Amino acid sequence: MGLYISWKLSEAGHEVSLFDRKKEDTLGKKCCSALVSERIKQFISIEDNCIENEISSCVINFPKGKVKLNFNPKHLALNREMLISTLLDLNKIAGTRIVLGQEIKKVPPGFDRVIGCDGAFSVIRRSLGLSDPKIKNGIQAYSLVKNNSHITETFTDFDIFGFCWKIPKGNSTEYGALGSQSEVKKKIDKIMGIKDVEKDSFSAAAVPCPHFPLFDAGLIFPKEKNITLCGDAMGLTKPWSGGGIIWGLHAADILIKTFPDFRRYKKETVGFFKFKILKGQISNYLVQTIGKRFTNLLPKEMEYDNDFPSFSIAFKRKR
């Protein structure tokens, strides 16, 4: 989110400096599937060589049956490092001052405002004494066997808020798991037992989740007028998948539109996401519960918007 926000604010004529504790050769090397809907093209121009595969549907494997979701819009498996490189170039063209290998915890001398986009364990958030968001644990690994299927698979055979996945990425196949720490640990051995998985390809990351949304949509915002948060740093991800790219870009656009009024940014962000988060939490719980115990009550196949799903379509049988 930081690269996107700094690019857009620089384009709008603001004097922006981007600080990142990582060096340029490690930017983008994060445990992330980079599986995102085509809506990303509404925010960033995606070159064809950045797309590793196109995903048209997802098969959810419950213990007693399967459900197929036909994505609308379809999803793209992106090369994350190439995407980061593109955003870096856009920032340089727009005039953003890029400072790598350095992190900040507060508003530096000579600056007016700080936007923290520094991840699930945000240094800026913690320096303000704010609590961390609820955390799930994610792992991923790769097989270098080519897989050009357009169908991804998920497996929901463990805790109610976790799942495993298999994503065809053209020149490779990604395997992973998301859930509580104890349950994810149990999946590591199973994934390592998969034929052709590269044993040194494992990586892990913390995935933030919104708390139960009451007055603040379950998100974390500083009280300070000159500091705010966006993306993982404020705990914004989809309750059912842990994905945060499209939702984070929507929040970023709200921030850019309302800049420099961080209070208005909070108000509009809460207004946009509050019921989407609550609806996602409720529907995820119901679908997981029903799917694991009474799979036959769910439709065998349906069209599905994975960014902003309709609550009603989750229970609409295919005719």
Protein backbone atom coordinates (compact mmCIF):
# COMPACT_ATOMS: atom_id res chain seq x y z
CA MET A 1 0.00 0.00 0.00
CA GLY A 2 2.85 2.36 0.79
CA LEU A 3 4.20 2.34 -2.76
CA TYR A 4 0.75 2.97 -4.21
CA ILE A 5 -0.10 5.81 -1.80
CA SER A 6 3.27 7.55 -2.20
CA TRP A 7 2.99 7.33 -5.99
CA LYS A 8 -0.50 8.82 -6.09
CA LEU A 9 0.26 11.59 -3.59
CA SER A 10 3.43 12.51 -5.50
CA GLU A 11 1.44 12.60 -8.74
CA ALA A 12 -1.02 14.97 -7.06
CA GLY A 13 1.81 17.40 -6.35
CA HIS A 14 2.62 16.60 -2.72
CA GLU A 15 6.24 16.35 -1.58
CA VAL A 16 6.52 12.71 -0.49
CA SER A 17 9.33 10.60 0.97
CA LEU A 18 8.98 6.83 1.15
CA PHE A 19 10.85 5.09 3.98
CA ASP A 20 11.25 1.31 4.01
CA ARG A 21 13.41 -0.79 6.32
CA LYS A 22 14.11 -3.20 3.45
CA LYS A 23 16.77 -2.79 0.80
CA GLU A 24 15.70 -2.65 -2.86
CA ASP A 25 16.83 -6.23 -3.53
CA THR A 26 14.48 -7.55 -0.81
CA LEU A 27 11.40 -5.47 -1.65
CA GLY A 28 8.49 -7.67 -2.68
CA LYS A 29 10.03 -10.82 -1.21
CA LYS A 30 7.21 -11.45 1.20
CA CYS A 31 5.06 -14.48 1.93
CA CYS A 32 2.12 -13.51 -0.29
CA SER A 33 0.22 -15.42 -2.97
CA ALA A 34 -0.38 -12.24 -5.01
CA LEU A 35 -3.60 -13.84 -6.23
CA VAL A 36 -5.86 -10.88 -6.86
CA SER A 37 -8.94 -10.09 -8.88
CA GLU A 38 -8.80 -8.16 -12.14
CA ARG A 39 -10.03 -5.14 -10.18
CA ILE A 40 -6.38 -4.36 -9.56
CA LYS A 41 -6.30 -2.98 -13.11
CA GLN A 42 -8.59 -0.18 -11.90
CA PHE A 43 -5.71 1.01 -9.70
CA ILE A 44 -2.48 -0.07 -11.43
CA SER A 45 -1.66 -0.81 -15.06
CA ILE A 46 -0.64 -4.48 -15.12
CA GLU A 47 1.68 -5.61 -17.92
CA ASP A 48 1.09 -9.06 -19.44
CA ASN A 49 4.52 -10.29 -18.33
CA CYS A 50 3.53 -9.61 -14.71
CA ILE A 51 0.68 -12.14 -14.97
CA GLU A 52 1.82 -15.69 -14.22
CA ASN A 53 -1.61 -17.27 -14.68
CA GLU A 54 -5.32 -16.45 -14.89
CA ILE A 55 -7.66 -18.13 -12.42
CA SER A 56 -11.30 -18.50 -13.40
CA SER A 57 -12.62 -20.54 -10.47
CA CYS A 58 -11.94 -22.08 -7.09
CA VAL A 59 -12.95 -25.51 -5.84
CA ILE A 60 -13.55 -25.65 -2.08
CA ASN A 61 -12.91 -29.15 -0.77
CA PHE A 62 -14.98 -29.81 2.36
CA PRO A 63 -14.59 -33.12 4.24
CA LYS A 64 -17.89 -34.38 2.74
CA GLY A 65 -18.04 -32.73 -0.66
CA LYS A 66 -17.02 -29.91 -2.98
CA VAL A 67 -18.29 -26.49 -4.01
CA LYS A 68 -17.06 -24.69 -7.14
CA LEU A 69 -16.90 -20.89 -7.20
CA ASN A 70 -16.69 -19.29 -10.65
CA PHE A 71 -14.91 -16.00 -10.09
CA ASN A 72 -16.51 -12.83 -11.40
CA PRO A 73 -14.25 -10.95 -11.91
CA LYS A 74 -11.61 -13.57 -12.60
CA HIS A 75 -8.34 -13.62 -10.66
CA LEU A 76 -4.75 -13.07 -11.68
CA ALA A 77 -1.69 -14.80 -10.21
CA LEU A 78 0.83 -11.96 -10.29
CA ASN A 79 4.60 -11.83 -10.05
CA ARG A 80 4.85 -9.81 -6.83
CA GLU A 81 8.45 -8.72 -7.32
CA MET A 82 7.66 -7.41 -10.80
CA LEU A 83 4.63 -5.54 -9.45
CA ILE A 84 6.77 -3.93 -6.74
CA SER A 85 9.37 -2.96 -9.36
CA THR A 86 6.66 -1.31 -11.46
CA LEU A 87 5.43 0.71 -8.49
CA LEU A 88 8.97 1.76 -7.63
CA ASP A 89 9.44 3.04 -11.18
CA LEU A 90 6.14 4.94 -11.02
CA ASN A 91 7.25 6.56 -7.76
CA LYS A 92 10.57 7.63 -9.26
CA ILE A 93 8.80 9.14 -12.29
CA ALA A 94 6.34 10.98 -10.01
CA GLY A 95 9.20 12.44 -7.95
CA THR A 96 8.89 10.44 -4.72
CA ARG A 97 12.04 10.53 -2.60
CA ILE A 98 12.79 6.86 -1.80
CA VAL A 99 14.78 6.05 1.34
CA LEU A 100 15.46 2.31 1.67
CA GLY A 101 17.08 0.51 4.57
CA GLN A 102 15.59 2.95 7.08
CA GLU A 103 12.41 2.86 9.14
CA ILE A 104 10.68 5.62 11.08
CA LYS A 105 8.56 5.51 14.23
CA LYS A 106 7.18 9.06 14.28
CA VAL A 107 6.92 12.21 12.20
CA PRO A 108 10.54 13.06 11.27
CA PRO A 109 11.85 16.63 11.50
CA GLY A 110 10.85 18.66 8.47
CA PHE A 111 7.77 16.49 7.73
CA ASP A 112 4.11 17.22 8.42
CA ARG A 113 2.48 13.78 8.37
CA VAL A 114 3.21 10.07 8.44
CA ILE A 115 1.20 7.23 6.86
CA GLY A 116 2.14 3.84 8.30
CA CYS A 117 1.94 1.02 5.77
CA ASP A 118 4.49 -1.12 7.56
CA GLY A 119 2.71 -4.43 7.96
CA ALA A 120 1.00 -6.58 10.55
CA PHE A 121 3.57 -5.72 13.22
CA SER A 122 3.67 -2.03 12.33
CA VAL A 123 6.48 -0.17 14.12
CA ILE A 124 4.58 3.10 13.76
CA ARG A 125 1.42 1.59 15.30
CA ARG A 126 3.34 0.06 18.19
CA SER A 127 5.28 3.29 18.84
CA LEU A 128 1.92 4.96 19.50
CA GLY A 129 1.00 2.31 22.08
CA LEU A 130 -1.78 0.85 19.93
CA SER A 131 -2.62 -2.83 20.22
CA ASP A 132 -1.84 -5.30 17.46
CA PRO A 133 -4.68 -6.65 15.32
CA LYS A 134 -5.81 -10.24 15.67
CA ILE A 135 -3.26 -12.39 13.84
CA LYS A 136 -3.53 -15.55 11.76
CA ASN A 137 -0.45 -17.43 10.62
CA GLY A 138 0.26 -18.15 6.96
CA ILE A 139 2.79 -20.42 5.26
CA GLN A 140 3.53 -21.12 1.62
CA ALA A 141 5.80 -23.36 -0.43
CA TYR A 142 6.31 -24.11 -4.13
CA SER A 143 6.63 -26.98 -6.53
CA LEU A 144 8.52 -26.07 -9.71
CA VAL A 145 6.40 -28.43 -11.80
CA LYS A 146 4.49 -26.40 -14.39
CA ASN A 147 0.76 -26.04 -13.73
CA ASN A 148 -1.35 -24.07 -16.22
CA SER A 149 -4.74 -25.00 -14.77
CA HIS A 150 -7.17 -22.11 -14.34
CA ILE A 151 -8.71 -23.61 -11.21
CA THR A 152 -7.34 -23.06 -7.71
CA GLU A 153 -8.30 -25.33 -4.81
CA THR A 154 -8.82 -24.81 -1.09
CA PHE A 155 -9.16 -27.44 1.63
CA THR A 156 -11.09 -26.77 4.84
CA ASP A 157 -10.25 -29.81 6.92
CA PHE A 158 -9.04 -28.02 10.04
CA ASP A 159 -10.01 -25.13 12.36
CA ILE A 160 -13.13 -23.13 11.49
CA PHE A 161 -11.17 -20.02 10.54
CA GLY A 162 -8.39 -21.71 8.56
CA PHE A 163 -7.82 -23.44 5.24
CA CYS A 164 -5.14 -24.79 2.92
CA TRP A 165 -4.72 -23.91 -0.74
CA LYS A 166 -3.19 -24.98 -4.02
CA ILE A 167 -2.66 -22.29 -6.65
CA PRO A 168 -1.52 -23.04 -10.23
CA LYS A 169 0.96 -20.31 -11.19
CA GLY A 170 1.97 -21.38 -14.67
CA ASN A 171 5.60 -22.31 -14.15
CA SER A 172 4.99 -23.53 -10.60
CA THR A 173 2.35 -24.58 -8.09
CA GLU A 174 1.93 -22.81 -4.77
CA TYR A 175 0.81 -24.64 -1.64
CA GLY A 176 -0.08 -22.94 1.62
CA ALA A 177 -2.11 -22.78 4.80
CA LEU A 178 -3.73 -20.04 6.88
CA GLY A 179 -5.07 -20.38 10.40
CA SER A 180 -4.11 -20.52 14.05
CA GLN A 181 -0.45 -21.16 14.86
CA SER A 182 -1.06 -24.66 16.20
CA GLU A 183 -3.14 -25.77 13.23
CA VAL A 184 -0.79 -24.31 10.63
CA LYS A 185 2.14 -26.13 12.23
CA LYS A 186 0.28 -29.41 11.67
CA LYS A 187 0.03 -28.63 7.96
CA ILE A 188 3.72 -27.99 7.38
CA ASP A 189 4.60 -31.69 7.50
CA LYS A 190 1.77 -32.56 5.10
CA ILE A 191 2.86 -29.93 2.61
CA MET A 192 6.49 -31.04 2.87
CA GLY A 193 5.30 -34.54 2.05
CA ILE A 194 3.87 -33.40 -1.28
CA LYS A 195 5.89 -34.70 -4.19
CA ASP A 196 8.07 -32.11 -5.94
CA VAL A 197 7.67 -29.37 -3.27
CA GLU A 198 10.95 -27.51 -2.94
CA LYS A 199 11.97 -27.97 0.70
CA ASP A 200 13.79 -24.63 0.81
CA SER A 201 10.85 -22.71 -0.64
CA PHE A 202 8.90 -22.41 2.61
CA SER A 203 8.14 -18.93 3.93
CA ALA A 204 5.82 -17.64 6.60
CA ALA A 205 4.00 -14.44 7.49
CA ALA A 206 1.55 -12.99 9.98
CA VAL A 207 -1.82 -12.08 8.47
CA PRO A 208 -3.83 -9.41 10.35
CA CYS A 209 -7.59 -9.68 10.73
CA PRO A 210 -10.14 -7.05 11.75
CA HIS A 211 -11.50 -7.40 15.28
CA PHE A 212 -15.27 -7.67 15.64
CA PRO A 213 -16.46 -4.43 14.00
CA LEU A 214 -18.39 -2.20 16.36
CA PHE A 215 -17.74 1.53 16.02
CA ASP A 216 -14.45 1.44 14.11
CA ALA A 217 -15.06 -1.48 11.68
CA GLY A 218 -12.58 -3.50 13.72
CA LEU A 219 -9.74 -1.44 12.26
CA ILE A 220 -6.95 0.42 14.05
CA PHE A 221 -6.58 4.19 13.68
CA PRO A 222 -4.31 6.52 15.68
CA LYS A 223 -5.88 9.45 17.54
CA GLU A 224 -3.12 11.76 16.32
CA LYS A 225 -4.09 14.28 13.64
CA ASN A 226 -0.83 13.87 11.72
CA ILE A 227 -0.36 10.07 11.77
CA THR A 228 -2.53 7.36 10.26
CA LEU A 229 -2.33 3.74 9.09
CA CYS A 230 -3.37 1.79 6.02
CA GLY A 231 -3.44 -1.81 4.80
CA ASP A 232 -2.05 -4.55 7.06
CA ALA A 233 -0.86 -1.93 9.56
CA MET A 234 -4.46 -1.07 10.43
CA GLY A 235 -5.57 -4.72 10.29
CA LEU A 236 -7.49 -4.58 7.01
CA THR A 237 -7.94 -7.92 5.25
CA LYS A 238 -10.88 -9.95 3.97
CA PRO A 239 -12.28 -12.06 6.84
CA TRP A 240 -12.74 -15.19 4.70
CA SER A 241 -9.39 -15.37 2.87
CA GLY A 242 -6.89 -13.05 4.53
CA GLY A 243 -6.39 -11.29 1.19
CA GLY A 244 -5.69 -7.59 1.53
CA ILE A 245 -4.63 -6.16 -1.81
CA ILE A 246 -7.95 -4.99 -3.30
CA TRP A 247 -9.42 -3.90 0.03
CA GLY A 248 -6.18 -2.12 0.86
CA LEU A 249 -6.21 -0.28 -2.47
CA HIS A 250 -9.78 0.87 -1.85
CA ALA A 251 -8.74 2.22 1.57
CA ALA A 252 -5.69 3.84 -0.03
CA ASP A 253 -7.90 5.64 -2.56
CA ILE A 254 -10.06 6.95 0.28
CA LEU A 255 -6.92 8.22 2.02
CA ILE A 256 -5.64 9.87 -1.17
CA LYS A 257 -9.03 11.50 -1.81
CA THR A 258 -9.33 12.87 1.74
CA PHE A 259 -5.64 13.75 2.25
CA PRO A 260 -4.51 15.53 4.43
CA ASP A 261 -7.63 15.14 6.60
CA PHE A 262 -6.90 11.86 8.44
CA ARG A 263 -10.07 12.11 10.53
CA ARG A 264 -12.20 12.23 7.41
CA TYR A 265 -10.18 9.30 6.05
CA LYS A 266 -11.05 7.25 9.13
CA LYS A 267 -14.73 8.16 8.92
CA GLU A 268 -15.07 7.27 5.24
CA THR A 269 -13.00 4.08 5.57
CA VAL A 270 -15.11 2.85 8.49
CA GLY A 271 -18.26 3.71 6.55
CA PHE A 272 -17.08 1.77 3.50
CA PHE A 273 -15.82 -1.36 5.28
CA LYS A 274 -17.88 -1.73 8.46
CA PHE A 275 -20.70 -3.88 7.12
CA LYS A 276 -18.49 -5.59 4.53
CA ILE A 277 -16.29 -6.89 7.37
CA LEU A 278 -19.23 -7.89 9.55
CA LYS A 279 -21.00 -9.58 6.65
CA GLY A 280 -17.80 -11.39 5.69
CA GLN A 281 -17.27 -12.68 9.23
CA ILE A 282 -20.82 -13.96 9.53
CA SER A 283 -20.98 -15.55 6.07
CA ASN A 284 -17.55 -17.15 6.47
CA TYR A 285 -18.59 -18.73 9.76
CA LEU A 286 -21.87 -20.01 8.32
CA VAL A 287 -20.37 -21.40 5.11
CA GLN A 288 -17.50 -23.08 6.96
CA THR A 289 -19.85 -24.57 9.55
CA ILE A 290 -22.45 -25.78 7.08
CA GLY A 291 -19.82 -26.90 4.56
CA LYS A 292 -18.01 -29.12 7.04
CA ARG A 293 -21.12 -30.74 8.48
CA PHE A 294 -23.86 -30.47 5.85
CA THR A 295 -22.11 -29.97 2.52
CA ASN A 296 -25.17 -31.08 0.57
CA LEU A 297 -27.01 -27.94 1.74
CA LEU A 298 -24.61 -25.77 -0.25
CA PRO A 299 -24.82 -25.29 -4.03
CA LYS A 300 -22.43 -27.40 -6.08
CA GLU A 301 -21.46 -24.45 -8.28
CA MET A 302 -22.08 -20.71 -8.29
CA GLU A 303 -20.80 -17.40 -9.61
CA TYR A 304 -18.85 -15.54 -6.96
CA ASP A 305 -17.32 -12.11 -6.44
CA ASN A 306 -14.37 -12.79 -4.12
CA ASP A 307 -13.83 -9.11 -3.27
CA PHE A 308 -17.36 -8.01 -2.46
CA PRO A 309 -19.52 -11.15 -2.27
CA SER A 310 -23.27 -10.97 -1.93
CA PHE A 311 -24.52 -12.54 1.31
CA SER A 312 -27.52 -14.02 -0.46
CA ILE A 313 -25.60 -15.68 -3.29
CA ALA A 314 -23.73 -17.87 -0.82
CA PHE A 315 -26.92 -19.84 -0.32
CA LYS A 316 -28.43 -19.64 -3.80
CA ARG A 317 -28.52 -23.03 -5.49
CA LYS A 318 -27.57 -23.34 -9.12
CA ARG A 319 -30.62 -24.17 -11.27
